[in-house]
Amino acid sequence: MAGKKLGTTGGGNSAGGESDDCDIVIDCDLLGIHPDALNRVLKGDQLHLRLELGEPYRSVVCVTAEGAILGALTAFPGLSKLIRCLERDVTYSVTIQDMGAGRCHVVGGVS
């Protein structure tokens, strides 16, 4: 089973001189894969992250160039930080690193 990691890379400054907490590296498997969307993507394709505001929970989904939801980023350390950054309109994208029957591994960060 592929590991799930979320970390930060050092460096960047935001306005006000504070460390940029939104410089997040995403490296994980997607959950809740939508088979129809998976059949329309290829290894190397870029996906964009979008915050879905459901009740009572918010989720982060990966969206194809056509606007279809491929799957979700869930249950990893740092998810709440990623959600806060998406709420601040920070944009993220990931690239499909590996995929197979019913699974998709993505890697990326701030766009």
PDB file of N, CA and C in Angstrom:
ATOM      1  N   MET A   1       0.848  -1.180   0.000  1.00  0.00           N
ATOM      2  CA  MET A   1       0.000   0.000   0.000  1.00  0.00           C
ATOM      3  C   MET A   1       0.886   1.232   0.000  1.00  0.00           C
ATOM      4  N   ALA A   2       0.581   2.162  -0.869  1.00  0.00           N
ATOM      5  CA  ALA A   2       1.391   3.377  -0.974  1.00  0.00           C
ATOM      6  C   ALA A   2       1.185   4.244   0.259  1.00  0.00           C
ATOM      7  N   GLY A   3       2.259   4.851   0.729  1.00  0.00           N
ATOM      8  CA  GLY A   3       2.162   5.723   1.893  1.00  0.00           C
ATOM      9  C   GLY A   3       1.536   7.050   1.546  1.00  0.00           C
ATOM     10  N   LYS A   4       1.015   7.684   2.547  1.00  0.00           N
ATOM     11  CA  LYS A   4       0.416   9.002   2.376  1.00  0.00           C
ATOM     12  C   LYS A   4       1.264   9.988   3.139  1.00  0.00           C
ATOM     13  N   LYS A   5       1.672  11.057   2.443  1.00  0.00           N
ATOM     14  CA  LYS A   5       2.510  12.056   3.082  1.00  0.00           C
ATOM     15  C   LYS A   5       1.973  13.435   2.771  1.00  0.00           C
ATOM     16  N   LEU A   6       2.111  14.301   3.705  1.00  0.00           N
ATOM     17  CA  LEU A   6       1.819  15.704   3.470  1.00  0.00           C
ATOM     18  C   LEU A   6       2.822  16.447   4.314  1.00  0.00           C
ATOM     19  N   GLY A   7       3.609  17.285   3.698  1.00  0.00           N
ATOM     20  CA  GLY A   7       4.608  18.023   4.455  1.00  0.00           C
ATOM     21  C   GLY A   7       4.684  19.440   3.945  1.00  0.00           C
ATOM     22  N   THR A   8       5.577  20.178   4.502  1.00  0.00           N
ATOM     23  CA  THR A   8       5.782  21.529   4.026  1.00  0.00           C
ATOM     24  C   THR A   8       7.206  21.641   3.541  1.00  0.00           C
ATOM     25  N   THR A   9       7.392  22.518   2.587  1.00  0.00           N
ATOM     26  CA  THR A   9       8.737  22.812   2.136  1.00  0.00           C
ATOM     27  C   THR A   9       9.130  24.139   2.739  1.00  0.00           C
ATOM     28  N   GLY A  10      10.370  24.310   3.024  1.00  0.00           N
ATOM     29  CA  GLY A  10      10.821  25.520   3.710  1.00  0.00           C
ATOM     30  C   GLY A  10      10.831  26.724   2.810  1.00  0.00           C
ATOM     31  N   GLY A  11      11.092  27.843   3.425  1.00  0.00           N
ATOM     32  CA  GLY A  11      11.385  29.013   2.635  1.00  0.00           C
ATOM     33  C   GLY A  11      10.336  30.073   2.595  1.00  0.00           C
ATOM     34  N   GLY A  12       9.466  30.031   1.612  1.00  0.00           N
ATOM     35  CA  GLY A  12       8.625  31.143   1.213  1.00  0.00           C
ATOM     36  C   GLY A  12       8.094  32.036   2.309  1.00  0.00           C
ATOM     37  N   ASN A  13       7.997  33.302   1.987  1.00  0.00           N
ATOM     38  CA  ASN A  13       7.439  34.289   2.906  1.00  0.00           C
ATOM     39  C   ASN A  13       6.132  34.796   2.358  1.00  0.00           C
ATOM     40  N   SER A  14       5.199  35.018   3.223  1.00  0.00           N
ATOM     41  CA  SER A  14       3.938  35.626   2.829  1.00  0.00           C
ATOM     42  C   SER A  14       3.985  37.092   3.198  1.00  0.00           C
ATOM     43  N   ALA A  15       2.956  37.817   2.811  1.00  0.00           N
ATOM     44  CA  ALA A  15       2.891  39.221   3.188  1.00  0.00           C
ATOM     45  C   ALA A  15       2.975  39.324   4.696  1.00  0.00           C
ATOM     46  N   GLY A  16       3.757  40.215   5.198  1.00  0.00           N
ATOM     47  CA  GLY A  16       3.928  40.352   6.634  1.00  0.00           C
ATOM     48  C   GLY A  16       5.169  39.628   7.127  1.00  0.00           C
ATOM     49  N   GLY A  17       5.888  38.932   6.216  1.00  0.00           N
ATOM     50  CA  GLY A  17       7.139  38.308   6.584  1.00  0.00           C
ATOM     51  C   GLY A  17       7.022  36.982   7.302  1.00  0.00           C
ATOM     52  N   GLU A  18       5.820  36.414   7.433  1.00  0.00           N
ATOM     53  CA  GLU A  18       5.670  35.139   8.114  1.00  0.00           C
ATOM     54  C   GLU A  18       5.940  34.007   7.135  1.00  0.00           C
ATOM     55  N   SER A  19       6.299  32.840   7.665  1.00  0.00           N
ATOM     56  CA  SER A  19       6.511  31.662   6.841  1.00  0.00           C
ATOM     57  C   SER A  19       5.207  31.304   6.140  1.00  0.00           C
ATOM     58  N   ASP A  20       5.298  30.870   4.894  1.00  0.00           N
ATOM     59  CA  ASP A  20       4.109  30.529   4.135  1.00  0.00           C
ATOM     60  C   ASP A  20       3.645  29.127   4.498  1.00  0.00           C
ATOM     61  N   ASP A  21       2.646  29.034   5.366  1.00  0.00           N
ATOM     62  CA  ASP A  21       2.130  27.753   5.810  1.00  0.00           C
ATOM     63  C   ASP A  21       1.415  26.991   4.710  1.00  0.00           C
ATOM     64  N   CYS A  22       1.143  27.625   3.599  1.00  0.00           N
ATOM     65  CA  CYS A  22       0.400  26.965   2.527  1.00  0.00           C
ATOM     66  C   CYS A  22       1.303  26.325   1.481  1.00  0.00           C
ATOM     67  N   ASP A  23       2.593  26.355   1.686  1.00  0.00           N
ATOM     68  CA  ASP A  23       3.525  25.702   0.768  1.00  0.00           C
ATOM     69  C   ASP A  23       3.556  24.220   1.133  1.00  0.00           C
ATOM     70  N   ILE A  24       2.491  23.514   0.761  1.00  0.00           N
ATOM     71  CA  ILE A  24       2.269  22.125   1.150  1.00  0.00           C
ATOM     72  C   ILE A  24       2.619  21.200  -0.004  1.00  0.00           C
ATOM     73  N   VAL A  25       3.315  20.116   0.293  1.00  0.00           N
ATOM     74  CA  VAL A  25       3.619  19.086  -0.694  1.00  0.00           C
ATOM     75  C   VAL A  25       2.604  17.960  -0.513  1.00  0.00           C
ATOM     76  N   ILE A  26       1.931  17.598  -1.590  1.00  0.00           N
ATOM     77  CA  ILE A  26       0.918  16.545  -1.562  1.00  0.00           C
ATOM     78  C   ILE A  26       1.475  15.327  -2.282  1.00  0.00           C
ATOM     79  N   ASP A  27       1.424  14.173  -1.623  1.00  0.00           N
ATOM     80  CA  ASP A  27       1.939  12.924  -2.177  1.00  0.00           C
ATOM     81  C   ASP A  27       1.098  11.805  -1.579  1.00  0.00           C
ATOM     82  N   CYS A  28       0.009  11.429  -2.244  1.00  0.00           N
ATOM     83  CA  CYS A  28      -0.896  10.435  -1.641  1.00  0.00           C
ATOM     84  C   CYS A  28      -1.792   9.768  -2.675  1.00  0.00           C
ATOM     85  N   ASP A  29      -2.443   8.700  -2.242  1.00  0.00           N
ATOM     86  CA  ASP A  29      -3.465   8.037  -3.042  1.00  0.00           C
ATOM     87  C   ASP A  29      -4.786   8.759  -2.850  1.00  0.00           C
ATOM     88  N   LEU A  30      -5.564   8.850  -3.912  1.00  0.00           N
ATOM     89  CA  LEU A  30      -6.900   9.408  -3.814  1.00  0.00           C
ATOM     90  C   LEU A  30      -7.853   8.341  -3.288  1.00  0.00           C
ATOM     91  N   LEU A  31      -8.863   8.775  -2.593  1.00  0.00           N
ATOM     92  CA  LEU A  31      -9.903   7.884  -2.102  1.00  0.00           C
ATOM     93  C   LEU A  31     -11.214   8.227  -2.786  1.00  0.00           C
ATOM     94  N   GLY A  32     -12.138   7.291  -2.795  1.00  0.00           N
ATOM     95  CA  GLY A  32     -13.435   7.528  -3.416  1.00  0.00           C
ATOM     96  C   GLY A  32     -13.327   7.768  -4.909  1.00  0.00           C
ATOM     97  N   ILE A  33     -12.477   6.991  -5.568  1.00  0.00           N
ATOM     98  CA  ILE A  33     -12.253   7.164  -7.012  1.00  0.00           C
ATOM     99  C   ILE A  33     -13.562   6.987  -7.790  1.00  0.00           C
ATOM    100  N   HIS A  34     -13.804   7.894  -8.719  1.00  0.00           N
ATOM    101  CA  HIS A  34     -14.955   7.785  -9.622  1.00  0.00           C
ATOM    102  C   HIS A  34     -14.480   7.048 -10.870  1.00  0.00           C
ATOM    103  N   PRO A  35     -14.923   5.814 -11.073  1.00  0.00           N
ATOM    104  CA  PRO A  35     -14.420   4.997 -12.188  1.00  0.00           C
ATOM    105  C   PRO A  35     -14.546   5.651 -13.558  1.00  0.00           C
ATOM    106  N   ASP A  36     -15.651   6.329 -13.824  1.00  0.00           N
ATOM    107  CA  ASP A  36     -15.819   6.970 -15.138  1.00  0.00           C
ATOM    108  C   ASP A  36     -14.740   8.025 -15.370  1.00  0.00           C
ATOM    109  N   ALA A  37     -14.428   8.809 -14.347  1.00  0.00           N
ATOM    110  CA  ALA A  37     -13.384   9.829 -14.474  1.00  0.00           C
ATOM    111  C   ALA A  37     -12.007   9.182 -14.600  1.00  0.00           C
ATOM    112  N   LEU A  38     -11.768   8.100 -13.853  1.00  0.00           N
ATOM    113  CA  LEU A  38     -10.477   7.408 -13.914  1.00  0.00           C
ATOM    114  C   LEU A  38     -10.217   6.873 -15.325  1.00  0.00           C
ATOM    115  N   ASN A  39     -11.257   6.441 -16.002  1.00  0.00           N
ATOM    116  CA  ASN A  39     -11.110   5.916 -17.365  1.00  0.00           C
ATOM    117  C   ASN A  39     -10.767   6.995 -18.382  1.00  0.00           C
ATOM    118  N   ARG A  40     -10.884   8.282 -17.998  1.00  0.00           N
ATOM    119  CA  ARG A  40     -10.630   9.386 -18.931  1.00  0.00           C
ATOM    120  C   ARG A  40      -9.338  10.150 -18.632  1.00  0.00           C
ATOM    121  N   VAL A  41      -8.524   9.647 -17.693  1.00  0.00           N
ATOM    122  CA  VAL A  41      -7.256  10.318 -17.389  1.00  0.00           C
ATOM    123  C   VAL A  41      -6.088   9.373 -17.653  1.00  0.00           C
ATOM    124  N   LEU A  42      -4.910   9.962 -17.761  1.00  0.00           N
ATOM    125  CA  LEU A  42      -3.686   9.208 -18.004  1.00  0.00           C
ATOM    126  C   LEU A  42      -2.621   9.592 -16.991  1.00  0.00           C
ATOM    127  N   LYS A  43      -1.678   8.708 -16.782  1.00  0.00           N
ATOM    128  CA  LYS A  43      -0.517   9.033 -15.956  1.00  0.00           C
ATOM    129  C   LYS A  43       0.132  10.288 -16.535  1.00  0.00           C
ATOM    130  N   GLY A  44       0.457  11.244 -15.672  1.00  0.00           N
ATOM    131  CA  GLY A  44       1.049  12.509 -16.108  1.00  0.00           C
ATOM    132  C   GLY A  44       0.046  13.637 -16.248  1.00  0.00           C
ATOM    133  N   ASP A  45      -1.254  13.319 -16.240  1.00  0.00           N
ATOM    134  CA  ASP A  45      -2.276  14.368 -16.330  1.00  0.00           C
ATOM    135  C   ASP A  45      -2.273  15.220 -15.061  1.00  0.00           C
ATOM    136  N   GLN A  46      -2.579  16.484 -15.227  1.00  0.00           N
ATOM    137  CA  GLN A  46      -2.655  17.411 -14.106  1.00  0.00           C
ATOM    138  C   GLN A  46      -4.102  17.550 -13.647  1.00  0.00           C
ATOM    139  N   LEU A  47      -4.276  17.587 -12.325  1.00  0.00           N
ATOM    140  CA  LEU A  47      -5.582  17.769 -11.707  1.00  0.00           C
ATOM    141  C   LEU A  47      -5.521  18.990 -10.812  1.00  0.00           C
ATOM    142  N   HIS A  48      -6.649  19.634 -10.617  1.00  0.00           N
ATOM    143  CA  HIS A  48      -6.718  20.777  -9.716  1.00  0.00           C
ATOM    144  C   HIS A  48      -7.478  20.381  -8.462  1.00  0.00           C
ATOM    145  N   LEU A  49      -7.098  20.976  -7.342  1.00  0.00           N
ATOM    146  CA  LEU A  49      -7.776  20.706  -6.079  1.00  0.00           C
ATOM    147  C   LEU A  49      -8.887  21.711  -5.879  1.00  0.00           C
ATOM    148  N   ARG A  50     -10.004  21.222  -5.360  1.00  0.00           N
ATOM    149  CA  ARG A  50     -11.152  22.074  -5.102  1.00  0.00           C
ATOM    150  C   ARG A  50     -11.753  21.690  -3.759  1.00  0.00           C
ATOM    151  N   LEU A  51     -12.163  22.691  -3.012  1.00  0.00           N
ATOM    152  CA  LEU A  51     -12.807  22.485  -1.719  1.00  0.00           C
ATOM    153  C   LEU A  51     -14.303  22.316  -1.952  1.00  0.00           C
ATOM    154  N   GLU A  52     -14.841  21.216  -1.463  1.00  0.00           N
ATOM    155  CA  GLU A  52     -16.270  20.945  -1.545  1.00  0.00           C
ATOM    156  C   GLU A  52     -16.878  21.240  -0.181  1.00  0.00           C
ATOM    157  N   LEU A  53     -17.880  22.090  -0.154  1.00  0.00           N
ATOM    158  CA  LEU A  53     -18.490  22.511   1.099  1.00  0.00           C
ATOM    159  C   LEU A  53     -19.793  21.766   1.318  1.00  0.00           C
ATOM    160  N   GLY A  54     -19.691  20.564   1.894  1.00  0.00           N
ATOM    161  CA  GLY A  54     -20.876  19.780   2.215  1.00  0.00           C
ATOM    162  C   GLY A  54     -21.225  19.963   3.679  1.00  0.00           C
ATOM    163  N   GLU A  55     -22.405  19.533   4.048  1.00  0.00           N
ATOM    164  CA  GLU A  55     -22.821  19.608   5.452  1.00  0.00           C
ATOM    165  C   GLU A  55     -22.748  18.232   6.059  1.00  0.00           C
ATOM    166  N   PRO A  56     -22.146  18.026   7.166  1.00  0.00           N
ATOM    167  CA  PRO A  56     -21.475  19.016   7.997  1.00  0.00           C
ATOM    168  C   PRO A  56     -19.981  19.112   7.712  1.00  0.00           C
ATOM    169  N   TYR A  57     -19.479  18.370   6.705  1.00  0.00           N
ATOM    170  CA  TYR A  57     -18.034  18.291   6.479  1.00  0.00           C
ATOM    171  C   TYR A  57     -17.624  18.979   5.188  1.00  0.00           C
ATOM    172  N   ARG A  58     -16.368  19.412   5.171  1.00  0.00           N
ATOM    173  CA  ARG A  58     -15.747  19.924   3.952  1.00  0.00           C
ATOM    174  C   ARG A  58     -14.798  18.845   3.450  1.00  0.00           C
ATOM    175  N   SER A  59     -14.610  18.770   2.146  1.00  0.00           N
ATOM    176  CA  SER A  59     -13.666  17.798   1.600  1.00  0.00           C
ATOM    177  C   SER A  59     -12.861  18.450   0.482  1.00  0.00           C
ATOM    178  N   VAL A  60     -11.712  17.843   0.192  1.00  0.00           N
ATOM    179  CA  VAL A  60     -10.852  18.316  -0.884  1.00  0.00           C
ATOM    180  C   VAL A  60     -10.888  17.262  -1.981  1.00  0.00           C
ATOM    181  N   VAL A  61     -11.283  17.683  -3.185  1.00  0.00           N
ATOM    182  CA  VAL A  61     -11.380  16.760  -4.310  1.00  0.00           C
ATOM    183  C   VAL A  61     -10.407  17.166  -5.405  1.00  0.00           C
ATOM    184  N   CYS A  62     -10.018  16.174  -6.208  1.00  0.00           N
ATOM    185  CA  CYS A  62      -9.173  16.408  -7.373  1.00  0.00           C
ATOM    186  C   CYS A  62     -10.070  16.389  -8.600  1.00  0.00           C
ATOM    187  N   VAL A  63      -9.928  17.425  -9.418  1.00  0.00           N
ATOM    188  CA  VAL A  63     -10.815  17.644 -10.550  1.00  0.00           C
ATOM    189  C   VAL A  63     -10.015  17.591 -11.851  1.00  0.00           C
ATOM    190  N   THR A  64     -10.563  16.894 -12.856  1.00  0.00           N
ATOM    191  CA  THR A  64      -9.912  16.782 -14.161  1.00  0.00           C
ATOM    192  C   THR A  64     -10.060  18.077 -14.948  1.00  0.00           C
ATOM    193  N   ALA A  65      -9.366  18.163 -16.074  1.00  0.00           N
ATOM    194  CA  ALA A  65      -9.457  19.340 -16.944  1.00  0.00           C
ATOM    195  C   ALA A  65     -10.882  19.553 -17.445  1.00  0.00           C
ATOM    196  N   GLU A  66     -11.663  18.470 -17.552  1.00  0.00           N
ATOM    197  CA  GLU A  66     -13.059  18.569 -18.001  1.00  0.00           C
ATOM    198  C   GLU A  66     -14.010  18.931 -16.871  1.00  0.00           C
ATOM    199  N   GLY A  67     -13.502  19.021 -15.647  1.00  0.00           N
ATOM    200  CA  GLY A  67     -14.328  19.401 -14.510  1.00  0.00           C
ATOM    201  C   GLY A  67     -14.927  18.239 -13.740  1.00  0.00           C
ATOM    202  N   ALA A  68     -14.549  17.006 -14.077  1.00  0.00           N
ATOM    203  CA  ALA A  68     -15.069  15.830 -13.375  1.00  0.00           C
ATOM    204  C   ALA A  68     -14.252  15.580 -12.107  1.00  0.00           C
ATOM    205  N   ILE A  69     -14.929  15.213 -11.038  1.00  0.00           N
ATOM    206  CA  ILE A  69     -14.230  14.846  -9.800  1.00  0.00           C
ATOM    207  C   ILE A  69     -13.667  13.452  -9.967  1.00  0.00           C
ATOM    208  N   LEU A  70     -12.347  13.305  -9.777  1.00  0.00           N
ATOM    209  CA  LEU A  70     -11.685  12.011  -9.888  1.00  0.00           C
ATOM    210  C   LEU A  70     -11.706  11.271  -8.554  1.00  0.00           C
ATOM    211  N   GLY A  71     -11.401  11.980  -7.472  1.00  0.00           N
ATOM    212  CA  GLY A  71     -11.353  11.374  -6.147  1.00  0.00           C
ATOM    213  C   GLY A  71     -11.045  12.438  -5.115  1.00  0.00           C
ATOM    214  N   ALA A  72     -10.895  12.008  -3.864  1.00  0.00           N
ATOM    215  CA  ALA A  72     -10.709  12.951  -2.759  1.00  0.00           C
ATOM    216  C   ALA A  72      -9.413  12.699  -2.012  1.00  0.00           C
ATOM    217  N   LEU A  73      -8.894  13.774  -1.427  1.00  0.00           N
ATOM    218  CA  LEU A  73      -7.773  13.703  -0.491  1.00  0.00           C
ATOM    219  C   LEU A  73      -8.400  13.665   0.900  1.00  0.00           C
ATOM    220  N   THR A  74      -8.201  12.586   1.638  1.00  0.00           N
ATOM    221  CA  THR A  74      -8.849  12.470   2.943  1.00  0.00           C
ATOM    222  C   THR A  74      -7.925  11.858   3.972  1.00  0.00           C
ATOM    223  N   ALA A  75      -8.232  12.151   5.230  1.00  0.00           N
ATOM    224  CA  ALA A  75      -7.664  11.480   6.402  1.00  0.00           C
ATOM    225  C   ALA A  75      -6.143  11.379   6.401  1.00  0.00           C
ATOM    226  N   PHE A  76      -5.472  12.499   6.235  1.00  0.00           N
ATOM    227  CA  PHE A  76      -4.017  12.506   6.398  1.00  0.00           C
ATOM    228  C   PHE A  76      -3.626  13.706   7.251  1.00  0.00           C
ATOM    229  N   PRO A  77      -2.495  13.625   7.950  1.00  0.00           N
ATOM    230  CA  PRO A  77      -2.051  14.767   8.753  1.00  0.00           C
ATOM    231  C   PRO A  77      -1.850  15.992   7.856  1.00  0.00           C
ATOM    232  N   GLY A  78      -2.406  17.099   8.235  1.00  0.00           N
ATOM    233  CA  GLY A  78      -2.262  18.325   7.473  1.00  0.00           C
ATOM    234  C   GLY A  78      -3.467  18.656   6.611  1.00  0.00           C
ATOM    235  N   LEU A  79      -4.473  17.790   6.590  1.00  0.00           N
ATOM    236  CA  LEU A  79      -5.658  18.065   5.777  1.00  0.00           C
ATOM    237  C   LEU A  79      -6.345  19.354   6.214  1.00  0.00           C
ATOM    238  N   SER A  80      -6.426  19.580   7.506  1.00  0.00           N
ATOM    239  CA  SER A  80      -7.092  20.808   7.977  1.00  0.00           C
ATOM    240  C   SER A  80      -6.323  22.052   7.526  1.00  0.00           C
ATOM    241  N   LYS A  81      -4.990  21.979   7.488  1.00  0.00           N
ATOM    242  CA  LYS A  81      -4.188  23.109   6.996  1.00  0.00           C
ATOM    243  C   LYS A  81      -4.449  23.337   5.506  1.00  0.00           C
ATOM    244  N   LEU A  82      -4.521  22.257   4.749  1.00  0.00           N
ATOM    245  CA  LEU A  82      -4.810  22.365   3.322  1.00  0.00           C
ATOM    246  C   LEU A  82      -6.179  23.007   3.101  1.00  0.00           C
ATOM    247  N   ILE A  83      -7.172  22.608   3.881  1.00  0.00           N
ATOM    248  CA  ILE A  83      -8.507  23.190   3.763  1.00  0.00           C
ATOM    249  C   ILE A  83      -8.474  24.686   4.070  1.00  0.00           C
ATOM    250  N   ARG A  84      -7.762  25.073   5.132  1.00  0.00           N
ATOM    251  CA  ARG A  84      -7.669  26.510   5.464  1.00  0.00           C
ATOM    252  C   ARG A  84      -7.025  27.289   4.325  1.00  0.00           C
ATOM    253  N   CYS A  85      -6.014  26.726   3.690  1.00  0.00           N
ATOM    254  CA  CYS A  85      -5.351  27.408   2.578  1.00  0.00           C
ATOM    255  C   CYS A  85      -6.280  27.520   1.369  1.00  0.00           C
ATOM    256  N   LEU A  86      -7.024  26.471   1.074  1.00  0.00           N
ATOM    257  CA  LEU A  86      -7.990  26.536  -0.029  1.00  0.00           C
ATOM    258  C   LEU A  86      -9.063  27.578   0.258  1.00  0.00           C
ATOM    259  N   GLU A  87      -9.464  27.710   1.516  1.00  0.00           N
ATOM    260  CA  GLU A  87     -10.436  28.749   1.893  1.00  0.00           C
ATOM    261  C   GLU A  87      -9.879  30.146   1.667  1.00  0.00           C
ATOM    262  N   ARG A  88      -8.551  30.290   1.716  1.00  0.00           N
ATOM    263  CA  ARG A  88      -7.896  31.577   1.467  1.00  0.00           C
ATOM    264  C   ARG A  88      -7.578  31.765  -0.019  1.00  0.00           C
ATOM    265  N   ASP A  89      -8.153  30.918  -0.852  1.00  0.00           N
ATOM    266  CA  ASP A  89      -7.985  30.977  -2.308  1.00  0.00           C
ATOM    267  C   ASP A  89      -6.583  30.653  -2.796  1.00  0.00           C
ATOM    268  N   VAL A  90      -5.815  29.885  -2.013  1.00  0.00           N
ATOM    269  CA  VAL A  90      -4.544  29.361  -2.497  1.00  0.00           C
ATOM    270  C   VAL A  90      -4.896  28.227  -3.460  1.00  0.00           C
ATOM    271  N   THR A  91      -4.254  28.195  -4.628  1.00  0.00           N
ATOM    272  CA  THR A  91      -4.563  27.163  -5.615  1.00  0.00           C
ATOM    273  C   THR A  91      -3.495  26.077  -5.609  1.00  0.00           C
ATOM    274  N   TYR A  92      -3.961  24.863  -5.777  1.00  0.00           N
ATOM    275  CA  TYR A  92      -3.083  23.689  -5.790  1.00  0.00           C
ATOM    276  C   TYR A  92      -3.386  22.852  -7.013  1.00  0.00           C
ATOM    277  N   SER A  93      -2.358  22.160  -7.500  1.00  0.00           N
ATOM    278  CA  SER A  93      -2.556  21.177  -8.551  1.00  0.00           C
ATOM    279  C   SER A  93      -1.680  19.969  -8.238  1.00  0.00           C
ATOM    280  N   VAL A  94      -2.092  18.837  -8.752  1.00  0.00           N
ATOM    281  CA  VAL A  94      -1.346  17.595  -8.575  1.00  0.00           C
ATOM    282  C   VAL A  94      -1.239  16.917  -9.934  1.00  0.00           C
ATOM    283  N   THR A  95      -0.248  16.062 -10.061  1.00  0.00           N
ATOM    284  CA  THR A  95      -0.046  15.280 -11.275  1.00  0.00           C
ATOM    285  C   THR A  95      -0.246  13.813 -10.938  1.00  0.00           C
ATOM    286  N   ILE A  96      -0.900  13.094 -11.834  1.00  0.00           N
ATOM    287  CA  ILE A  96      -1.088  11.664 -11.626  1.00  0.00           C
ATOM    288  C   ILE A  96       0.260  10.981 -11.800  1.00  0.00           C
ATOM    289  N   GLN A  97       0.757  10.418 -10.707  1.00  0.00           N
ATOM    290  CA  GLN A  97       2.064   9.772 -10.679  1.00  0.00           C
ATOM    291  C   GLN A  97       1.956   8.288 -11.048  1.00  0.00           C
ATOM    292  N   ASP A  98       0.882   7.652 -10.602  1.00  0.00           N
ATOM    293  CA  ASP A  98       0.686   6.222 -10.835  1.00  0.00           C
ATOM    294  C   ASP A  98      -0.808   5.943 -10.758  1.00  0.00           C
ATOM    295  N   MET A  99      -1.257   4.964 -11.517  1.00  0.00           N
ATOM    296  CA  MET A  99      -2.670   4.616 -11.473  1.00  0.00           C
ATOM    297  C   MET A  99      -2.849   3.167 -11.879  1.00  0.00           C
ATOM    298  N   GLY A 100      -3.954   2.608 -11.448  1.00  0.00           N
ATOM    299  CA  GLY A 100      -4.292   1.231 -11.776  1.00  0.00           C
ATOM    300  C   GLY A 100      -5.779   1.048 -11.592  1.00  0.00           C
ATOM    301  N   ALA A 101      -6.194  -0.190 -11.554  1.00  0.00           N
ATOM    302  CA  ALA A 101      -7.618  -0.497 -11.408  1.00  0.00           C
ATOM    303  C   ALA A 101      -8.141   0.057 -10.088  1.00  0.00           C
ATOM    304  N   GLY A 102      -8.935   1.113 -10.176  1.00  0.00           N
ATOM    305  CA  GLY A 102      -9.567   1.692  -8.987  1.00  0.00           C
ATOM    306  C   GLY A 102      -8.656   2.471  -8.076  1.00  0.00           C
ATOM    307  N   ARG A 103      -7.434   2.810  -8.521  1.00  0.00           N
ATOM    308  CA  ARG A 103      -6.562   3.606  -7.669  1.00  0.00           C
ATOM    309  C   ARG A 103      -5.796   4.642  -8.482  1.00  0.00           C
ATOM    310  N   CYS A 104      -5.416   5.718  -7.768  1.00  0.00           N
ATOM    311  CA  CYS A 104      -4.711   6.823  -8.406  1.00  0.00           C
ATOM    312  C   CYS A 104      -3.825   7.506  -7.376  1.00  0.00           C
ATOM    313  N   HIS A 105      -2.536   7.611  -7.651  1.00  0.00           N
ATOM    314  CA  HIS A 105      -1.575   8.270  -6.754  1.00  0.00           C
ATOM    315  C   HIS A 105      -1.185   9.597  -7.396  1.00  0.00           C
ATOM    316  N   VAL A 106      -1.263  10.679  -6.582  1.00  0.00           N
ATOM    317  CA  VAL A 106      -0.973  12.019  -7.093  1.00  0.00           C
ATOM    318  C   VAL A 106       0.121  12.689  -6.267  1.00  0.00           C
ATOM    319  N   VAL A 107       0.838  13.602  -6.933  1.00  0.00           N
ATOM    320  CA  VAL A 107       1.902  14.374  -6.296  1.00  0.00           C
ATOM    321  C   VAL A 107       1.781  15.806  -6.787  1.00  0.00           C
ATOM    322  N   GLY A 108       1.929  16.769  -5.883  1.00  0.00           N
ATOM    323  CA  GLY A 108       1.868  18.168  -6.295  1.00  0.00           C
ATOM    324  C   GLY A 108       1.916  19.124  -5.138  1.00  0.00           C
ATOM    325  N   GLY A 109       1.449  20.337  -5.390  1.00  0.00           N
ATOM    326  CA  GLY A 109       1.467  21.381  -4.377  1.00  0.00           C
ATOM    327  C   GLY A 109       0.865  22.665  -4.917  1.00  0.00           C
ATOM    328  N   VAL A 110       1.341  23.784  -4.387  1.00  0.00           N
ATOM    329  CA  VAL A 110       0.826  25.097  -4.774  1.00  0.00           C
ATOM    330  C   VAL A 110       1.050  25.299  -6.274  1.00  0.00           C
ATOM    331  N   SER A 111       0.006  25.810  -6.947  1.00  0.00           N
ATOM    332  CA  SER A 111       0.101  26.052  -8.407  1.00  0.00           C
ATOM    333  C   SER A 111       0.817  27.351  -8.677  1.00  0.00           C
TER     334      SER A 111
END
